[in-house]
């Protein structure tokens, strides 16, 4: 295997992600939140709930910075913290009903954005792109479950 080529291709996947999200504008949603708050809310919503340690790794924030983001989302009634009954140090973050509604708004906007971006591709390229994304996701979950 050519690991240099593999590394270059992995970097290009990151560039694709950046290109897909670069022009995404979620400002029409009903609650004004920044991009980091949006990312955290969407991760919590997609996973139904998430522990702080998992969120920290997914978003790439240190615990203290993530706590500030969660505090802001709680003030907006978008998420709530739930302590584990057995281990009080373990905190799970869940979306509130308001947070679920806002996440659904963001998801609707993003899917429309994704459709506009993918419209630039030929039908054949869209199919290959979707298949490549599916393969990449499957392999990622094998390497980093």
N, C-alpha and C. Protein backbone atom coordinates (compact mmCIF):
# COMPACT_ATOMS: atom_id res chain seq x y z
N UNK A 1 0.85 -1.19 0.00
CA UNK A 1 0.00 0.00 0.00
C UNK A 1 0.89 1.24 0.00
N UNK A 2 0.50 2.22 -0.76
CA UNK A 2 1.22 3.49 -0.82
C UNK A 2 0.63 4.41 0.26
N UNK A 3 1.29 4.45 1.43
CA UNK A 3 0.77 5.21 2.57
C UNK A 3 0.85 6.72 2.34
N UNK A 4 1.78 7.17 1.52
CA UNK A 4 1.85 8.60 1.21
C UNK A 4 0.60 9.00 0.43
N UNK A 5 0.22 8.19 -0.54
CA UNK A 5 -0.99 8.46 -1.34
C UNK A 5 -2.24 8.38 -0.45
N UNK A 6 -2.26 7.38 0.44
CA UNK A 6 -3.37 7.26 1.38
C UNK A 6 -3.50 8.52 2.23
N UNK A 7 -2.38 9.00 2.73
CA UNK A 7 -2.39 10.20 3.57
C UNK A 7 -2.89 11.40 2.77
N UNK A 8 -2.48 11.53 1.52
CA UNK A 8 -2.93 12.64 0.67
C UNK A 8 -4.44 12.55 0.43
N UNK A 9 -4.92 11.34 0.19
CA UNK A 9 -6.36 11.16 -0.03
C UNK A 9 -7.16 11.46 1.23
N UNK A 10 -6.64 11.09 2.38
CA UNK A 10 -7.33 11.40 3.64
C UNK A 10 -7.40 12.91 3.84
N UNK A 11 -6.30 13.62 3.50
CA UNK A 11 -6.33 15.08 3.59
C UNK A 11 -7.38 15.66 2.64
N UNK A 12 -7.54 15.05 1.48
CA UNK A 12 -8.54 15.57 0.53
C UNK A 12 -9.95 15.36 1.08
N UNK A 13 -10.17 14.31 1.85
CA UNK A 13 -11.48 14.11 2.47
C UNK A 13 -11.77 15.26 3.43
N UNK A 14 -10.75 15.69 4.18
CA UNK A 14 -10.92 16.83 5.08
C UNK A 14 -11.26 18.09 4.28
N UNK A 15 -10.60 18.27 3.13
CA UNK A 15 -10.89 19.44 2.29
C UNK A 15 -12.32 19.39 1.75
N UNK A 16 -12.80 18.18 1.43
CA UNK A 16 -14.19 18.04 0.97
C UNK A 16 -15.13 18.48 2.08
N UNK A 17 -14.85 18.02 3.30
CA UNK A 17 -15.70 18.41 4.43
C UNK A 17 -15.71 19.92 4.59
N UNK A 18 -14.54 20.54 4.52
CA UNK A 18 -14.46 22.00 4.64
C UNK A 18 -15.26 22.68 3.54
N UNK A 19 -15.14 22.17 2.31
CA UNK A 19 -15.86 22.77 1.19
C UNK A 19 -17.38 22.64 1.37
N UNK A 20 -17.82 21.51 1.89
CA UNK A 20 -19.25 21.30 2.08
C UNK A 20 -19.82 22.23 3.15
N UNK A 21 -19.05 22.48 4.20
CA UNK A 21 -19.55 23.28 5.31
C UNK A 21 -19.23 24.77 5.16
N UNK A 22 -18.26 25.09 4.31
CA UNK A 22 -17.76 26.47 4.20
C UNK A 22 -18.88 27.48 3.94
N UNK A 23 -19.70 27.22 2.99
CA UNK A 23 -20.73 28.18 2.60
C UNK A 23 -22.08 27.91 3.25
N UNK A 24 -22.13 26.94 4.16
CA UNK A 24 -23.40 26.65 4.82
C UNK A 24 -23.75 27.77 5.78
N UNK A 25 -24.94 28.30 5.62
CA UNK A 25 -25.40 29.41 6.46
C UNK A 25 -26.64 28.97 7.24
N UNK A 26 -26.47 28.83 8.53
CA UNK A 26 -27.61 28.42 9.37
C UNK A 26 -28.24 29.62 10.07
N UNK A 27 -27.89 30.82 9.67
CA UNK A 27 -28.42 32.01 10.36
C UNK A 27 -29.94 32.14 10.31
N UNK A 28 -30.64 31.52 9.34
CA UNK A 28 -32.10 31.64 9.38
C UNK A 28 -32.79 30.89 10.52
N UNK A 29 -32.04 30.09 11.29
CA UNK A 29 -32.70 29.34 12.37
C UNK A 29 -33.24 30.30 13.43
N UNK A 30 -34.15 29.81 14.24
CA UNK A 30 -34.88 30.65 15.19
C UNK A 30 -34.06 31.09 16.40
N UNK A 31 -32.92 30.46 16.66
CA UNK A 31 -32.10 30.81 17.82
C UNK A 31 -30.69 31.13 17.34
N UNK A 32 -30.17 32.30 17.68
CA UNK A 32 -28.82 32.66 17.22
C UNK A 32 -27.73 31.91 18.01
N UNK A 33 -27.03 31.00 17.34
CA UNK A 33 -25.92 30.28 17.96
C UNK A 33 -24.73 30.33 17.02
N UNK A 34 -23.54 30.20 17.60
CA UNK A 34 -22.34 30.22 16.76
C UNK A 34 -22.06 28.83 16.19
N UNK A 35 -21.06 28.73 15.32
CA UNK A 35 -20.76 27.47 14.64
C UNK A 35 -20.37 26.36 15.61
N UNK A 36 -19.60 26.68 16.65
CA UNK A 36 -19.21 25.65 17.61
C UNK A 36 -20.42 25.15 18.38
N UNK A 37 -21.27 26.05 18.81
CA UNK A 37 -22.50 25.66 19.50
C UNK A 37 -23.37 24.81 18.59
N UNK A 38 -23.44 25.19 17.32
CA UNK A 38 -24.21 24.43 16.34
C UNK A 38 -23.66 23.01 16.20
N UNK A 39 -22.34 22.88 16.08
CA UNK A 39 -21.72 21.56 15.95
C UNK A 39 -22.02 20.68 17.15
N UNK A 40 -21.89 21.25 18.34
CA UNK A 40 -22.15 20.47 19.56
C UNK A 40 -23.62 20.05 19.61
N UNK A 41 -24.52 20.96 19.33
CA UNK A 41 -25.94 20.63 19.34
C UNK A 41 -26.24 19.52 18.34
N UNK A 42 -25.68 19.61 17.15
CA UNK A 42 -25.97 18.60 16.12
C UNK A 42 -25.40 17.23 16.50
N UNK A 43 -24.24 17.21 17.11
CA UNK A 43 -23.67 15.93 17.55
C UNK A 43 -24.55 15.30 18.63
N UNK A 44 -24.97 16.11 19.59
CA UNK A 44 -25.84 15.61 20.66
C UNK A 44 -27.14 15.09 20.05
N UNK A 45 -27.72 15.85 19.15
CA UNK A 45 -29.00 15.47 18.54
C UNK A 45 -28.87 14.20 17.70
N UNK A 46 -27.82 14.11 16.90
CA UNK A 46 -27.63 12.92 16.06
C UNK A 46 -27.40 11.66 16.89
N UNK A 47 -26.76 11.81 18.04
CA UNK A 47 -26.46 10.65 18.90
C UNK A 47 -27.52 10.44 19.98
N UNK A 48 -28.54 11.27 19.99
CA UNK A 48 -29.62 11.24 21.01
C UNK A 48 -29.15 11.76 22.36
N UNK A 49 -27.89 11.53 22.70
CA UNK A 49 -27.25 12.09 23.90
C UNK A 49 -25.76 11.81 23.73
N UNK A 50 -24.94 12.51 24.49
CA UNK A 50 -23.50 12.30 24.37
C UNK A 50 -22.82 12.67 25.68
N UNK A 51 -21.85 11.87 26.05
CA UNK A 51 -21.07 12.19 27.24
C UNK A 51 -20.08 13.30 26.91
N UNK A 52 -19.73 14.07 27.91
CA UNK A 52 -18.83 15.20 27.73
C UNK A 52 -17.50 14.77 27.10
N UNK A 53 -16.97 13.66 27.54
CA UNK A 53 -15.69 13.18 27.02
C UNK A 53 -15.79 12.91 25.51
N UNK A 54 -16.87 12.28 25.09
CA UNK A 54 -17.11 12.01 23.67
C UNK A 54 -17.23 13.31 22.89
N UNK A 55 -18.03 14.26 23.41
CA UNK A 55 -18.20 15.55 22.75
C UNK A 55 -16.89 16.28 22.59
N UNK A 56 -16.09 16.25 23.64
CA UNK A 56 -14.78 16.91 23.60
C UNK A 56 -13.94 16.38 22.45
N UNK A 57 -13.91 15.06 22.30
CA UNK A 57 -13.13 14.44 21.23
C UNK A 57 -13.72 14.75 19.86
N UNK A 58 -15.03 14.70 19.73
CA UNK A 58 -15.69 14.92 18.44
C UNK A 58 -15.52 16.36 17.95
N UNK A 59 -15.63 17.31 18.86
CA UNK A 59 -15.57 18.72 18.48
C UNK A 59 -14.14 19.24 18.49
N UNK A 60 -13.26 18.56 19.21
CA UNK A 60 -11.87 19.00 19.28
C UNK A 60 -11.65 20.14 20.26
N UNK A 61 -12.41 20.14 21.33
CA UNK A 61 -12.27 21.18 22.36
C UNK A 61 -11.81 20.56 23.66
N UNK A 62 -11.03 21.30 24.41
CA UNK A 62 -10.67 20.88 25.76
C UNK A 62 -11.91 20.96 26.64
N UNK A 63 -11.88 20.23 27.73
CA UNK A 63 -13.04 20.13 28.62
C UNK A 63 -13.55 21.51 29.07
N UNK A 64 -12.64 22.39 29.44
CA UNK A 64 -13.04 23.72 29.92
C UNK A 64 -13.76 24.53 28.85
N UNK A 65 -13.23 24.49 27.62
CA UNK A 65 -13.87 25.21 26.51
C UNK A 65 -15.22 24.61 26.18
N UNK A 66 -15.30 23.28 26.20
CA UNK A 66 -16.57 22.62 25.92
C UNK A 66 -17.60 22.97 26.99
N UNK A 67 -17.17 23.05 28.24
CA UNK A 67 -18.08 23.42 29.33
C UNK A 67 -18.71 24.78 29.06
N UNK A 68 -17.92 25.72 28.56
CA UNK A 68 -18.43 27.05 28.23
C UNK A 68 -19.49 26.97 27.13
N UNK A 69 -19.25 26.13 26.13
CA UNK A 69 -20.21 25.95 25.04
C UNK A 69 -21.51 25.34 25.57
N UNK A 70 -21.38 24.30 26.39
CA UNK A 70 -22.56 23.64 26.97
C UNK A 70 -23.33 24.61 27.86
N UNK A 71 -22.61 25.43 28.64
CA UNK A 71 -23.27 26.44 29.49
C UNK A 71 -24.14 27.37 28.63
N UNK A 72 -23.59 27.83 27.52
CA UNK A 72 -24.33 28.74 26.63
C UNK A 72 -25.55 28.05 26.03
N UNK A 73 -25.39 26.80 25.60
CA UNK A 73 -26.51 26.05 25.03
C UNK A 73 -27.58 25.78 26.09
N UNK A 74 -27.17 25.55 27.33
CA UNK A 74 -28.14 25.37 28.42
C UNK A 74 -28.92 26.66 28.68
N UNK A 75 -28.24 27.80 28.66
CA UNK A 75 -28.91 29.09 28.88
C UNK A 75 -29.97 29.34 27.81
N UNK A 76 -29.71 28.83 26.60
CA UNK A 76 -30.67 28.98 25.50
C UNK A 76 -31.73 27.87 25.49
N UNK A 77 -31.68 27.00 26.49
CA UNK A 77 -32.61 25.87 26.63
C UNK A 77 -32.54 24.93 25.42
N UNK A 78 -31.31 24.71 24.90
CA UNK A 78 -31.14 23.81 23.77
C UNK A 78 -30.63 22.43 24.21
N UNK A 79 -29.89 22.40 25.31
CA UNK A 79 -29.40 21.13 25.86
C UNK A 79 -29.56 21.14 27.37
N UNK A 80 -29.45 19.96 27.95
CA UNK A 80 -29.42 19.85 29.42
C UNK A 80 -28.37 18.80 29.78
N UNK A 81 -27.79 18.99 30.95
CA UNK A 81 -26.83 18.01 31.48
C UNK A 81 -27.58 17.03 32.37
N UNK A 82 -27.20 15.76 32.26
CA UNK A 82 -27.79 14.74 33.11
C UNK A 82 -26.65 13.99 33.77
N UNK A 83 -26.65 13.96 35.10
CA UNK A 83 -25.61 13.24 35.84
C UNK A 83 -25.95 11.77 35.94
N UNK A 84 -24.93 10.95 35.84
CA UNK A 84 -25.08 9.50 36.01
C UNK A 84 -25.39 9.23 37.47
N UNK A 85 -26.40 8.41 37.74
CA UNK A 85 -26.79 8.09 39.12
C UNK A 85 -25.71 7.36 39.89
N UNK A 86 -24.90 6.57 39.20
CA UNK A 86 -23.86 5.79 39.87
C UNK A 86 -22.51 6.51 39.92
N UNK A 87 -22.19 7.27 38.88
CA UNK A 87 -20.91 7.98 38.83
C UNK A 87 -21.21 9.46 38.60
N UNK A 88 -21.21 10.22 39.67
CA UNK A 88 -21.57 11.64 39.59
C UNK A 88 -20.62 12.45 38.72
N UNK A 89 -19.42 11.91 38.46
CA UNK A 89 -18.49 12.62 37.58
C UNK A 89 -18.90 12.51 36.12
N UNK A 90 -19.67 11.50 35.79
CA UNK A 90 -20.09 11.25 34.41
C UNK A 90 -21.31 12.11 34.08
N UNK A 91 -21.15 12.93 33.05
CA UNK A 91 -22.23 13.83 32.63
C UNK A 91 -22.59 13.53 31.18
N UNK A 92 -23.89 13.35 30.96
CA UNK A 92 -24.40 13.15 29.61
C UNK A 92 -25.15 14.42 29.21
N UNK A 93 -24.97 14.83 27.97
CA UNK A 93 -25.66 16.01 27.45
C UNK A 93 -26.76 15.54 26.52
N UNK A 94 -27.97 16.06 26.72
CA UNK A 94 -29.13 15.70 25.89
C UNK A 94 -29.74 16.97 25.32
N UNK A 95 -30.35 16.85 24.16
CA UNK A 95 -31.07 17.98 23.58
C UNK A 95 -32.42 18.12 24.30
N UNK A 96 -32.81 19.34 24.55
CA UNK A 96 -34.14 19.62 25.08
C UNK A 96 -35.13 19.60 23.91
N UNK A 97 -36.43 19.65 24.19
CA UNK A 97 -37.38 19.75 23.06
C UNK A 97 -37.09 20.96 22.16
N UNK A 98 -36.71 22.08 22.75
CA UNK A 98 -36.33 23.26 21.95
C UNK A 98 -35.08 22.95 21.13
N UNK A 99 -34.11 22.30 21.75
CA UNK A 99 -32.89 21.93 21.04
C UNK A 99 -33.16 20.98 19.89
N UNK A 100 -34.08 20.05 20.10
CA UNK A 100 -34.44 19.12 19.02
C UNK A 100 -35.07 19.87 17.85
N UNK A 101 -35.92 20.84 18.15
CA UNK A 101 -36.56 21.63 17.09
C UNK A 101 -35.53 22.44 16.32
N UNK A 102 -34.60 23.07 17.04
CA UNK A 102 -33.55 23.86 16.39
C UNK A 102 -32.64 22.96 15.55
N UNK A 103 -32.28 21.79 16.09
CA UNK A 103 -31.44 20.85 15.34
C UNK A 103 -32.14 20.40 14.06
N UNK A 104 -33.44 20.19 14.14
CA UNK A 104 -34.20 19.82 12.94
C UNK A 104 -34.19 20.95 11.91
N UNK A 105 -34.27 22.20 12.38
CA UNK A 105 -34.18 23.36 11.48
C UNK A 105 -32.82 23.37 10.77
N UNK A 106 -31.76 23.18 11.56
CA UNK A 106 -30.41 23.18 11.00
C UNK A 106 -30.25 22.05 9.99
N UNK A 107 -30.73 20.87 10.35
CA UNK A 107 -30.64 19.71 9.46
C UNK A 107 -31.35 19.97 8.13
N UNK A 108 -32.54 20.56 8.19
CA UNK A 108 -33.29 20.87 6.98
C UNK A 108 -32.51 21.84 6.09
N UNK A 109 -31.95 22.88 6.71
CA UNK A 109 -31.15 23.85 5.95
C UNK A 109 -29.91 23.19 5.36
N UNK A 110 -29.26 22.32 6.14
CA UNK A 110 -28.03 21.70 5.65
C UNK A 110 -28.32 20.73 4.50
N UNK A 111 -29.39 19.97 4.59
CA UNK A 111 -29.72 19.05 3.51
C UNK A 111 -30.01 19.80 2.21
N UNK A 112 -30.70 20.94 2.31
CA UNK A 112 -30.94 21.77 1.12
C UNK A 112 -29.62 22.30 0.58
N UNK A 113 -28.73 22.72 1.47
CA UNK A 113 -27.40 23.20 1.07
C UNK A 113 -26.63 22.08 0.37
N UNK A 114 -26.64 20.89 0.94
CA UNK A 114 -25.93 19.75 0.37
C UNK A 114 -26.47 19.42 -1.02
N UNK A 115 -27.77 19.51 -1.17
CA UNK A 115 -28.38 19.25 -2.48
C UNK A 115 -27.90 20.28 -3.51
N UNK A 116 -27.81 21.55 -3.11
CA UNK A 116 -27.32 22.59 -4.04
C UNK A 116 -25.86 22.35 -4.41
N UNK A 117 -25.05 21.98 -3.42
CA UNK A 117 -23.63 21.73 -3.69
C UNK A 117 -23.47 20.53 -4.61
N UNK A 118 -24.17 19.47 -4.33
CA UNK A 118 -24.05 18.24 -5.14
C UNK A 118 -24.63 18.40 -6.53
N UNK A 119 -25.50 19.40 -6.72
CA UNK A 119 -26.07 19.64 -8.05
C UNK A 119 -24.98 20.05 -9.04
N UNK A 120 -23.83 20.49 -8.55
CA UNK A 120 -22.72 20.86 -9.43
C UNK A 120 -22.07 19.63 -10.05
N UNK A 121 -22.34 18.45 -9.48
CA UNK A 121 -21.75 17.20 -9.96
C UNK A 121 -22.67 16.55 -11.00
N UNK A 122 -22.07 15.74 -11.84
CA UNK A 122 -22.88 14.95 -12.77
C UNK A 122 -23.62 13.88 -11.97
N UNK A 123 -24.70 13.33 -12.50
CA UNK A 123 -25.39 12.26 -11.79
C UNK A 123 -24.44 11.10 -11.45
N UNK A 124 -23.55 10.77 -12.37
CA UNK A 124 -22.60 9.68 -12.12
C UNK A 124 -21.66 10.03 -10.97
N UNK A 125 -21.15 11.26 -10.96
CA UNK A 125 -20.26 11.69 -9.88
C UNK A 125 -21.00 11.74 -8.54
N UNK A 126 -22.27 12.15 -8.55
CA UNK A 126 -23.05 12.16 -7.30
C UNK A 126 -23.16 10.75 -6.74
N UNK A 127 -23.41 9.78 -7.61
CA UNK A 127 -23.50 8.39 -7.17
C UNK A 127 -22.17 7.89 -6.62
N UNK A 128 -21.08 8.20 -7.30
CA UNK A 128 -19.76 7.78 -6.83
C UNK A 128 -19.40 8.48 -5.53
N UNK A 129 -19.76 9.74 -5.42
CA UNK A 129 -19.48 10.50 -4.20
C UNK A 129 -20.24 9.90 -3.02
N UNK A 130 -21.52 9.58 -3.23
CA UNK A 130 -22.32 8.98 -2.16
C UNK A 130 -21.75 7.61 -1.77
N UNK A 131 -21.34 6.82 -2.74
CA UNK A 131 -20.76 5.51 -2.45
C UNK A 131 -19.43 5.66 -1.71
N UNK A 132 -18.61 6.62 -2.12
CA UNK A 132 -17.32 6.84 -1.46
C UNK A 132 -17.53 7.28 -0.01
N UNK A 133 -18.52 8.15 0.22
CA UNK A 133 -18.80 8.61 1.58
C UNK A 133 -19.27 7.45 2.45
N UNK A 134 -20.09 6.58 1.88
CA UNK A 134 -20.57 5.41 2.62
C UNK A 134 -19.41 4.48 2.97
N UNK A 135 -18.53 4.24 2.01
CA UNK A 135 -17.37 3.37 2.25
C UNK A 135 -16.45 3.99 3.29
N UNK A 136 -16.20 5.29 3.18
CA UNK A 136 -15.33 5.97 4.13
C UNK A 136 -15.90 5.89 5.54
N UNK A 137 -17.20 6.10 5.68
CA UNK A 137 -17.85 6.04 7.00
C UNK A 137 -17.73 4.62 7.59
N UNK A 138 -17.96 3.62 6.77
CA UNK A 138 -17.88 2.24 7.26
C UNK A 138 -16.47 1.93 7.76
N UNK A 139 -15.47 2.33 7.00
CA UNK A 139 -14.09 2.08 7.39
C UNK A 139 -13.72 2.88 8.62
N UNK A 140 -14.19 4.13 8.69
CA UNK A 140 -13.89 4.97 9.85
C UNK A 140 -14.41 4.32 11.13
N UNK A 141 -15.63 3.78 11.07
CA UNK A 141 -16.20 3.16 12.28
C UNK A 141 -15.50 1.86 12.63
N UNK A 142 -14.84 1.24 11.66
CA UNK A 142 -14.03 0.05 11.96
C UNK A 142 -12.73 0.48 12.66
N UNK A 143 -12.12 1.55 12.17
CA UNK A 143 -10.85 2.02 12.74
C UNK A 143 -11.02 2.76 14.06
N UNK A 144 -12.11 3.51 14.18
CA UNK A 144 -12.33 4.32 15.39
C UNK A 144 -13.79 4.18 15.81
N UNK A 145 -14.14 3.05 16.44
CA UNK A 145 -15.55 2.81 16.79
C UNK A 145 -16.13 3.77 17.80
